[in-house]
Amino acid sequence: MRVGIGILGGGVVGGSLAHKLLTESDVITAKTGLDLELVKVAVRDLEKQRPFPSSYATDRPEDVVDDPDVGLVVELMGGMEPARSLVLRALDAGKPVVTANKQLVAAEGPTLFQRAEANGVSLLFEAAVGGGIPIIRPLSESLAGERITSVMGIVNGTTNFILTKMSEDGLPYADVLAEAQRLGYAEADPTADVSGADAAAKAAILAGLAFGVWVDLDRVYMEGIEHISSTDIAFAARLGYVVKLLGVAESTPDGVSVRVHPALVPDNHPLAAVRGAQNAVFVSGPALGELLFSGPGAGGDPTATAVLGDVVTAARELLAHAPVAPRVRIGAGVVADFGQVDTCHYLRLEVDDAPGVLAAIAGAFGEAGVSIRSVWQEGRGEDATLLLITHAAPEAAHAKAQQRLAEIDTVRQVASVIRVVGDTA
């Protein structure tokens, strides 16, 4: 039962997958009964040394898709083009596609799903979210009978590494980012990671799988970690919290809400213990309660392992010679206005140490319809700082309260605002 495999992209993940197909073929066959034969790998630079023989390499990606010996295409190029065109070309040729391209799936998911269904072939993307963590198949298949209420997780290893180091070593953001770049956890241009854009694409995909409503990326609220200071991380620890960059997708009375932002997470919450470059996804529903999926979120071998799992599934379906029912069905739904979503906030205010300050602050929150849950004062005189945590209120009400605070003469600065997630107190 032979299936020829063509790989678009010979980088870290593509190279690892090609190496596995060549060196572990006997193990794969023994476990699956499949003969997965590497046929071609599309690369940018034919001269670059890779973990597979150069005889498999081509710098013409269309030759991979069009090769009659290639029955299944794996897209690991990343980005939108030419990946999008090549994936559609493969699907139209009746070839199943496996991809790890979260940007492509998040931006073009419905189009790709419809094209795969029209051609009766598989489109699988387990490695697009969470690297080596199996989360796509559980959401789309194993939990198909569960009415999921929320999916929340750490889905970017770079930012989790940075925040972990800031927390454990007390170092400033810029220093830890530089270290992450030296160690290879962060790219030379880390914008996609630290801005939250990478996590936003993944959160949008998870929302589509969990709720059957595709959320366009421009409807995902996104906030990065660039403004997170070691001061706030230290204060958070004293208050019993850990700072994480979270992707949150949840069902609300006003529709599906998807957002990515830093958050204070209680230090006894399962996500608080996820350190370094690890990823974790927390799924909640009325029947299952809470499930945690955790593991390596990036890297060549873990991601290639997830890709290979999809390749095995797609190859079996291909050999069955029967049309494949789509795993993802996107129906009509409503995307909630983030301003109407209830959130809790932590605020750090630099204030004058004078009578009436707290009353003025409480008045500002009251006018906006936000209730203060807890208040702490740090320092005296010119060093006076107030730390506040609010009760849940609509995001728009929080924004209004912060505008009111900026108008109070005795509030020198609203130094920091971070949302609080997972706190049941």
Protein backbone atom coordinates (compact mmCIF):
# COMPACT_ATOMS: atom_id res chain seq x y z
CA MET A 1 0.00 0.00 0.00
CA ARG A 2 2.33 2.67 -1.32
CA VAL A 3 1.64 6.40 -1.20
CA GLY A 4 4.09 8.86 -2.73
CA ILE A 5 4.74 11.91 -0.57
CA GLY A 6 5.71 15.34 -1.90
CA ILE A 7 6.80 18.05 0.52
CA LEU A 8 6.59 21.77 -0.18
CA GLY A 9 9.29 23.32 2.01
CA GLY A 10 12.57 21.78 3.15
CA GLY A 11 13.20 23.92 6.23
CA VAL A 12 13.32 22.81 9.85
CA VAL A 13 9.99 20.96 9.82
CA GLY A 14 10.09 19.84 6.21
CA GLY A 15 13.64 18.55 6.59
CA SER A 16 12.72 16.68 9.76
CA LEU A 17 9.69 15.08 8.08
CA ALA A 18 11.73 14.02 5.03
CA HIS A 19 14.35 12.52 7.35
CA LYS A 20 11.69 10.57 9.23
CA LEU A 21 10.16 9.20 6.04
CA LEU A 22 13.57 8.01 4.85
CA THR A 23 15.01 6.63 8.09
CA GLU A 24 11.95 5.38 9.93
CA SER A 25 10.04 3.82 7.06
CA ASP A 26 10.21 0.33 8.58
CA VAL A 27 8.76 1.59 11.88
CA ILE A 28 6.00 3.50 10.08
CA THR A 29 5.11 0.46 7.97
CA ALA A 30 5.13 -1.86 10.98
CA LYS A 31 2.74 0.42 12.88
CA THR A 32 0.44 1.47 10.04
CA GLY A 33 0.82 -1.02 7.21
CA LEU A 34 1.56 1.91 4.90
CA ASP A 35 4.52 2.40 2.60
CA LEU A 36 5.01 6.18 2.69
CA GLU A 37 7.60 6.90 0.04
CA LEU A 38 9.29 10.28 -0.19
CA VAL A 39 9.25 11.44 -3.82
CA LYS A 40 10.22 15.13 -3.93
CA VAL A 41 10.93 18.09 -1.63
CA ALA A 42 10.60 21.67 -2.87
CA VAL A 43 13.33 23.96 -1.50
CA ARG A 44 14.45 27.52 -2.16
CA ASP A 45 18.19 26.83 -2.25
CA LEU A 46 19.42 23.66 -3.93
CA GLU A 47 22.95 24.18 -2.59
CA LYS A 48 22.00 24.25 1.09
CA GLN A 49 22.82 21.13 3.08
CA ARG A 50 19.75 19.35 4.46
CA PRO A 51 18.96 16.18 6.44
CA PHE A 52 17.95 14.31 3.27
CA PRO A 53 19.79 13.52 0.00
CA SER A 54 19.91 16.33 -2.54
CA SER A 55 18.47 13.98 -5.17
CA TYR A 56 15.03 14.53 -3.63
CA ALA A 57 15.24 18.33 -3.83
CA THR A 58 13.76 20.60 -6.47
CA ASP A 59 13.47 24.37 -6.64
CA ARG A 60 10.24 24.14 -8.67
CA PRO A 61 7.40 23.59 -6.16
CA GLU A 62 4.84 23.05 -8.91
CA ASP A 63 6.83 19.96 -9.95
CA VAL A 64 6.05 18.44 -6.53
CA VAL A 65 2.32 19.01 -6.91
CA ASP A 66 2.18 17.86 -10.54
CA ASP A 67 4.40 14.77 -10.20
CA PRO A 68 2.21 11.72 -10.97
CA ASP A 69 4.18 9.70 -8.40
CA VAL A 70 3.11 12.15 -5.66
CA GLY A 71 -0.24 11.07 -4.27
CA LEU A 72 -0.22 13.27 -1.16
CA VAL A 73 1.15 16.80 -0.73
CA VAL A 74 2.54 18.25 2.52
CA GLU A 75 2.72 22.05 2.61
CA LEU A 76 5.36 23.39 5.02
CA MET A 77 6.40 26.55 3.20
CA GLY A 78 4.49 28.98 5.41
CA GLY A 79 3.05 32.32 4.37
CA MET A 80 0.21 32.97 1.94
CA GLU A 81 1.73 32.72 -1.53
CA PRO A 82 2.72 30.58 -3.28
CA ALA A 83 1.45 28.21 -0.56
CA ARG A 84 -2.23 29.02 -1.18
CA SER A 85 -2.05 28.49 -4.93
CA LEU A 86 -0.10 25.27 -4.57
CA VAL A 87 -2.50 23.83 -1.97
CA LEU A 88 -5.52 24.61 -4.18
CA ARG A 89 -3.70 23.12 -7.17
CA ALA A 90 -3.09 19.90 -5.25
CA LEU A 91 -6.69 19.68 -4.02
CA ASP A 92 -8.02 20.26 -7.55
CA ALA A 93 -5.77 17.43 -8.74
CA GLY A 94 -7.48 15.11 -6.24
CA LYS A 95 -4.47 14.96 -3.95
CA PRO A 96 -4.99 15.24 -0.18
CA VAL A 97 -3.04 18.00 1.55
CA VAL A 98 -1.45 18.16 4.99
CA THR A 99 -0.30 21.59 6.17
CA ALA A 100 1.19 23.23 9.24
CA ASN A 101 0.54 26.73 7.88
CA LYS A 102 -1.58 28.52 10.51
CA GLN A 103 -1.55 31.80 8.58
CA LEU A 104 -3.00 30.14 5.51
CA VAL A 105 -5.62 28.13 7.41
CA ALA A 106 -6.70 31.12 9.52
CA ALA A 107 -7.03 33.42 6.51
CA GLU A 108 -8.41 30.99 3.92
CA GLY A 109 -9.90 28.14 5.97
CA PRO A 110 -13.45 28.11 4.55
CA THR A 111 -12.19 28.32 0.95
CA LEU A 112 -9.75 25.47 1.49
CA PHE A 113 -12.32 23.29 3.26
CA GLN A 114 -14.85 23.81 0.46
CA ARG A 115 -12.29 22.99 -2.22
CA ALA A 116 -11.21 19.84 -0.39
CA GLU A 117 -14.85 18.74 -0.02
CA ALA A 118 -15.59 19.46 -3.67
CA ASN A 119 -12.72 17.18 -4.68
CA GLY A 120 -13.48 14.50 -2.08
CA VAL A 121 -10.03 14.62 -0.47
CA SER A 122 -8.55 15.39 2.93
CA LEU A 123 -7.21 18.70 4.18
CA LEU A 124 -5.51 18.14 7.53
CA PHE A 125 -3.68 20.69 9.67
CA GLU A 126 -2.95 19.24 13.11
CA ALA A 127 0.45 20.94 13.30
CA ALA A 128 -0.94 24.41 12.48
CA VAL A 129 -1.76 24.97 16.17
CA GLY A 130 0.36 23.81 19.07
CA GLY A 131 3.15 22.10 17.11
CA GLY A 132 3.37 18.60 18.56
CA ILE A 133 0.25 18.92 20.75
CA PRO A 134 -2.71 16.93 19.40
CA ILE A 135 -5.52 19.50 19.62
CA ILE A 136 -7.07 19.81 16.13
CA ARG A 137 -8.34 16.23 15.93
CA PRO A 138 -9.76 16.21 19.48
CA LEU A 139 -11.71 19.41 18.79
CA SER A 140 -12.97 18.40 15.35
CA GLU A 141 -13.62 14.70 16.01
CA SER A 142 -13.21 13.39 19.57
CA LEU A 143 -15.22 16.22 21.11
CA ALA A 144 -17.71 16.64 18.27
CA GLY A 145 -20.57 15.74 20.62
CA GLU A 146 -19.58 18.23 23.30
CA ARG A 147 -20.96 21.76 23.42
CA ILE A 148 -17.65 23.47 24.14
CA THR A 149 -17.90 26.70 26.10
CA SER A 150 -14.31 27.94 25.90
CA VAL A 151 -10.86 27.16 24.56
CA MET A 152 -8.01 28.99 26.25
CA GLY A 153 -4.34 28.44 25.87
CA ILE A 154 -0.70 29.32 25.56
CA VAL A 155 -0.16 28.82 21.83
CA ASN A 156 3.10 30.68 21.21
CA GLY A 157 6.31 29.22 22.62
CA THR A 158 8.42 32.34 22.04
CA THR A 159 6.30 34.60 24.22
CA ASN A 160 5.90 31.94 26.89
CA PHE A 161 9.68 31.57 27.03
CA ILE A 162 10.11 35.33 27.37
CA LEU A 163 7.49 35.72 30.11
CA THR A 164 8.83 32.68 31.99
CA LYS A 165 12.36 34.09 32.01
CA MET A 166 11.13 37.52 33.07
CA SER A 167 9.19 35.91 35.91
CA GLU A 168 11.86 33.52 37.14
CA ASP A 169 14.95 35.68 36.62
CA GLY A 170 13.49 39.16 37.13
CA LEU A 171 15.01 40.40 33.86
CA PRO A 172 13.56 43.18 31.67
CA TYR A 173 11.73 42.36 28.46
CA ALA A 174 14.46 43.63 26.10
CA ASP A 175 17.16 41.48 27.73
CA VAL A 176 15.07 38.31 27.63
CA LEU A 177 14.03 38.92 24.02
CA ALA A 178 17.69 39.20 23.05
CA GLU A 179 18.42 35.93 24.85
CA ALA A 180 15.49 34.24 23.10
CA GLN A 181 16.92 35.35 19.76
CA ARG A 182 20.38 34.02 20.66
CA LEU A 183 18.89 30.65 21.63
CA GLY A 184 16.77 30.42 18.48
CA TYR A 185 13.41 30.70 20.27
CA ALA A 186 12.73 34.07 18.63
CA GLU A 187 13.28 35.16 15.04
CA ALA A 188 15.53 38.08 14.12
CA ASP A 189 12.25 39.93 13.53
CA PRO A 190 10.08 38.68 16.42
CA THR A 191 7.07 40.89 15.60
CA ALA A 192 4.67 38.09 14.65
CA ASP A 193 5.27 36.40 18.00
CA VAL A 194 5.53 39.28 20.48
CA SER A 195 2.69 41.29 18.89
CA GLY A 196 0.29 38.37 19.34
CA ALA A 197 -0.28 37.90 15.58
CA ASP A 198 0.93 34.29 15.55
CA ALA A 199 -1.28 33.42 18.52
CA ALA A 200 -4.23 35.26 16.96
CA ALA A 201 -4.14 33.05 13.85
CA LYS A 202 -4.08 29.95 16.02
CA ALA A 203 -6.89 31.22 18.27
CA ALA A 204 -9.05 31.90 15.21
CA ILE A 205 -8.53 28.33 13.99
CA LEU A 206 -9.39 26.89 17.43
CA ALA A 207 -12.55 29.01 17.54
CA GLY A 208 -13.68 27.69 14.17
CA LEU A 209 -13.20 24.10 15.28
CA ALA A 210 -14.76 24.57 18.71
CA PHE A 211 -17.81 26.60 17.70
CA GLY A 212 -18.27 26.03 13.97
CA VAL A 213 -18.11 29.78 13.33
CA TRP A 214 -15.15 31.03 11.30
CA VAL A 215 -13.74 34.21 12.80
CA ASP A 216 -11.84 36.46 10.41
CA LEU A 217 -8.49 37.59 11.73
CA ASP A 218 -9.58 41.22 11.71
CA ARG A 219 -12.26 40.29 14.27
CA VAL A 220 -9.72 38.83 16.70
CA TYR A 221 -8.74 41.29 19.43
CA MET A 222 -4.94 41.25 19.60
CA GLU A 223 -2.51 42.66 22.11
CA GLY A 224 1.14 41.67 22.50
CA ILE A 225 3.64 41.47 25.33
CA GLU A 226 5.90 44.39 24.39
CA HIS A 227 4.50 46.57 27.18
CA ILE A 228 4.78 43.94 29.94
CA SER A 229 7.29 45.06 32.57
CA SER A 230 9.22 43.09 35.16
CA THR A 231 7.57 45.40 37.72
CA ASP A 232 4.10 44.10 36.85
CA ILE A 233 5.32 40.51 36.77
CA ALA A 234 6.74 40.97 40.28
CA PHE A 235 3.54 42.58 41.57
CA ALA A 236 1.49 39.82 39.96
CA ALA A 237 3.54 37.17 41.75
CA ARG A 238 2.99 38.91 45.10
CA LEU A 239 -0.75 38.88 44.42
CA GLY A 240 -0.75 35.18 43.50
CA TYR A 241 -0.69 35.42 39.70
CA VAL A 242 1.54 34.54 36.75
CA VAL A 243 1.58 36.59 33.51
CA LYS A 244 0.93 34.63 30.31
CA LEU A 245 0.04 35.51 26.72
CA LEU A 246 -3.26 33.74 26.16
CA GLY A 247 -5.45 32.99 23.20
CA VAL A 248 -9.07 32.84 24.35
CA ALA A 249 -12.05 31.68 22.30
CA GLU A 250 -15.37 31.49 24.10
CA SER A 251 -19.08 31.34 23.55
CA THR A 252 -20.84 34.38 25.00
CA PRO A 253 -24.50 35.47 25.00
CA ASP A 254 -23.58 37.92 22.23
CA GLY A 255 -21.75 35.42 20.03
CA VAL A 256 -18.28 33.92 19.69
CA SER A 257 -15.45 35.99 21.14
CA VAL A 258 -11.81 35.48 20.16
CA ARG A 259 -8.98 37.44 21.67
CA VAL A 260 -5.23 37.31 22.34
CA HIS A 261 -3.65 39.33 25.11
CA PRO A 262 -1.40 39.09 28.18
CA ALA A 263 -3.28 37.97 31.26
CA LEU A 264 -2.80 37.45 34.96
CA VAL A 265 -3.49 33.76 35.60
CA PRO A 266 -3.87 32.47 39.20
CA ASP A 267 -0.72 30.61 40.20
CA ASN A 268 -2.78 27.48 41.00
CA HIS A 269 -4.31 27.36 37.50
CA PRO A 270 -2.96 24.57 35.22
CA LEU A 271 -1.77 27.10 32.63
CA ALA A 272 0.36 28.88 35.22
CA ALA A 273 2.69 25.88 35.41
CA VAL A 274 3.40 25.84 31.65
CA ARG A 275 7.00 27.06 31.43
CA GLY A 276 9.54 27.94 28.79
CA ALA A 277 8.66 27.29 25.16
CA GLN A 278 5.93 24.79 26.03
CA ASN A 279 2.35 25.25 24.82
CA ALA A 280 -0.92 24.22 26.44
CA VAL A 281 -4.60 24.41 25.50
CA PHE A 282 -7.38 24.31 28.10
CA VAL A 283 -10.78 23.14 26.81
CA SER A 284 -13.99 23.53 28.84
CA GLY A 285 -17.46 22.09 28.31
CA PRO A 286 -20.52 21.07 30.36
CA ALA A 287 -20.04 17.30 30.01
CA LEU A 288 -16.27 16.90 29.94
CA GLY A 289 -15.53 19.64 32.47
CA GLU A 290 -11.98 20.73 31.75
CA LEU A 291 -9.27 19.13 29.62
CA LEU A 292 -5.65 20.23 29.33
CA PHE A 293 -3.53 19.46 26.26
CA SER A 294 0.13 20.30 26.83
CA GLY A 295 3.47 19.69 25.19
CA PRO A 296 6.14 21.12 22.87
CA GLY A 297 4.58 23.82 20.74
CA ALA A 298 7.33 24.18 18.17
CA GLY A 299 10.53 22.66 16.86
CA GLY A 300 11.31 20.46 13.89
CA ASP A 301 10.84 17.00 15.37
CA PRO A 302 7.69 17.63 17.48
CA THR A 303 5.95 19.46 14.63
CA ALA A 304 7.06 16.89 12.06
CA THR A 305 5.60 14.17 14.29
CA ALA A 306 2.21 15.90 14.26
CA VAL A 307 2.45 16.33 10.48
CA LEU A 308 3.32 12.66 10.05
CA GLY A 309 0.22 11.68 12.02
CA ASP A 310 -1.89 13.63 9.54
CA VAL A 311 -0.01 12.06 6.63
CA VAL A 312 -0.87 8.58 7.93
CA THR A 313 -4.57 9.51 8.25
CA ALA A 314 -4.70 11.13 4.82
CA ALA A 315 -2.86 8.21 3.20
CA ARG A 316 -5.34 5.70 4.63
CA GLU A 317 -8.25 7.75 3.35
CA LEU A 318 -6.62 8.04 -0.07
CA LEU A 319 -6.15 4.29 -0.31
CA ALA A 320 -9.78 3.71 0.66
CA HIS A 321 -10.79 5.23 -2.72
CA ALA A 322 -13.87 6.86 -1.23
CA PRO A 323 -14.85 10.53 -0.96
CA VAL A 324 -13.77 12.02 2.33
CA ALA A 325 -16.38 13.71 4.51
CA PRO A 326 -15.13 17.13 5.64
CA ARG A 327 -13.95 17.27 9.24
CA VAL A 328 -14.73 20.95 9.56
CA ARG A 329 -18.13 22.43 8.81
CA ILE A 330 -18.53 26.16 9.16
CA GLY A 331 -22.05 27.40 9.75
CA ALA A 332 -23.70 30.74 10.30
CA GLY A 333 -22.89 32.42 13.57
CA VAL A 334 -22.31 35.73 15.28
CA VAL A 335 -18.93 37.13 16.30
CA ALA A 336 -19.26 39.15 19.47
CA ASP A 337 -18.18 42.76 19.71
CA PHE A 338 -15.21 42.65 22.08
CA GLY A 339 -16.49 45.78 23.80
CA GLN A 340 -19.48 43.78 25.08
CA VAL A 341 -17.41 40.86 26.41
CA ASP A 342 -17.05 40.70 30.20
CA THR A 343 -13.46 40.87 31.44
CA CYS A 344 -11.61 41.52 34.69
CA HIS A 345 -8.65 43.90 34.82
CA TYR A 346 -5.53 44.47 36.89
CA LEU A 347 -4.41 48.11 36.96
CA ARG A 348 -1.27 49.74 38.31
CA LEU A 349 -1.77 53.43 39.04
CA GLU A 350 0.88 55.93 40.05
CA VAL A 351 -0.92 58.36 42.35
CA ASP A 352 -0.43 61.24 44.75
CA ASP A 353 -0.37 60.05 48.35
CA ALA A 354 -3.13 62.43 49.42
CA PRO A 355 -6.60 62.29 51.03
CA GLY A 356 -9.46 61.59 48.63
CA VAL A 357 -7.43 59.81 45.94
CA LEU A 358 -9.05 56.44 46.44
CA ALA A 359 -12.54 57.99 46.58
CA ALA A 360 -11.92 59.75 43.24
CA ILE A 361 -10.69 56.53 41.67
CA ALA A 362 -13.66 54.56 43.00
CA GLY A 363 -15.96 57.28 41.61
CA ALA A 364 -14.40 56.95 38.15
CA PHE A 365 -14.98 53.22 38.14
CA GLY A 366 -18.49 53.64 39.49
CA GLU A 367 -19.43 56.13 36.75
CA ALA A 368 -18.26 53.61 34.16
CA GLY A 369 -20.19 50.75 35.75
CA VAL A 370 -17.13 48.81 36.91
CA SER A 371 -16.84 47.36 40.42
CA ILE A 372 -13.47 47.18 42.18
CA ARG A 373 -12.76 43.82 43.78
CA SER A 374 -9.42 44.46 45.52
CA VAL A 375 -7.05 47.38 46.18
CA TRP A 376 -3.47 47.42 47.47
CA GLN A 377 -1.19 50.38 48.07
CA GLU A 378 2.55 50.11 47.53
CA GLY A 379 4.93 52.83 48.74
CA ARG A 380 4.36 56.28 50.14
CA GLY A 381 4.69 59.89 49.00
CA GLU A 382 6.01 60.27 45.48
CA ASP A 383 6.40 56.49 45.20
CA ALA A 384 2.75 55.76 45.96
CA THR A 385 1.30 53.07 43.71
CA LEU A 386 -2.16 51.55 43.76
CA LEU A 387 -2.82 48.05 42.47
CA LEU A 388 -6.44 47.25 41.64
CA ILE A 389 -8.30 44.19 40.40
CA THR A 390 -11.83 44.65 39.13
CA HIS A 391 -14.87 42.44 39.00
CA ALA A 392 -16.06 41.33 35.57
CA ALA A 393 -17.60 44.08 33.45
CA PRO A 394 -17.94 44.74 29.71
CA GLU A 395 -14.66 45.63 28.04
CA ALA A 396 -16.16 48.94 26.89
CA ALA A 397 -16.92 49.85 30.50
CA HIS A 398 -13.30 49.21 31.45
CA ALA A 399 -12.14 51.48 28.63
CA LYS A 400 -14.49 54.20 29.87
CA ALA A 401 -13.17 53.83 33.44
CA GLN A 402 -9.58 54.19 32.23
CA GLN A 403 -10.51 57.38 30.39
CA ARG A 404 -12.01 58.75 33.62
CA LEU A 405 -8.87 57.82 35.56
CA ALA A 406 -6.70 59.79 33.15
CA GLU A 407 -8.78 62.88 33.95
CA ILE A 408 -8.11 62.74 37.72
CA ASP A 409 -5.38 65.20 38.75
CA THR A 410 -4.12 63.00 41.60
CA VAL A 411 -3.64 60.01 39.27
CA ARG A 412 -0.25 60.72 37.77
CA GLN A 413 -0.30 57.77 35.41
CA VAL A 414 -2.26 54.64 34.52
CA ALA A 415 1.00 52.74 34.34
CA SER A 416 -0.30 49.32 33.40
CA VAL A 417 -3.52 47.50 32.48
CA ILE A 418 -3.58 43.70 32.16
CA ARG A 419 -6.63 41.47 32.02
CA VAL A 420 -7.21 38.76 34.62
CA VAL A 421 -8.29 35.31 33.39
CA GLY A 422 -9.21 32.07 35.17
CA ASP A 423 -9.82 33.65 38.57
CA THR A 424 -12.96 32.34 40.25
CA ALA A 425 -12.58 34.35 43.45
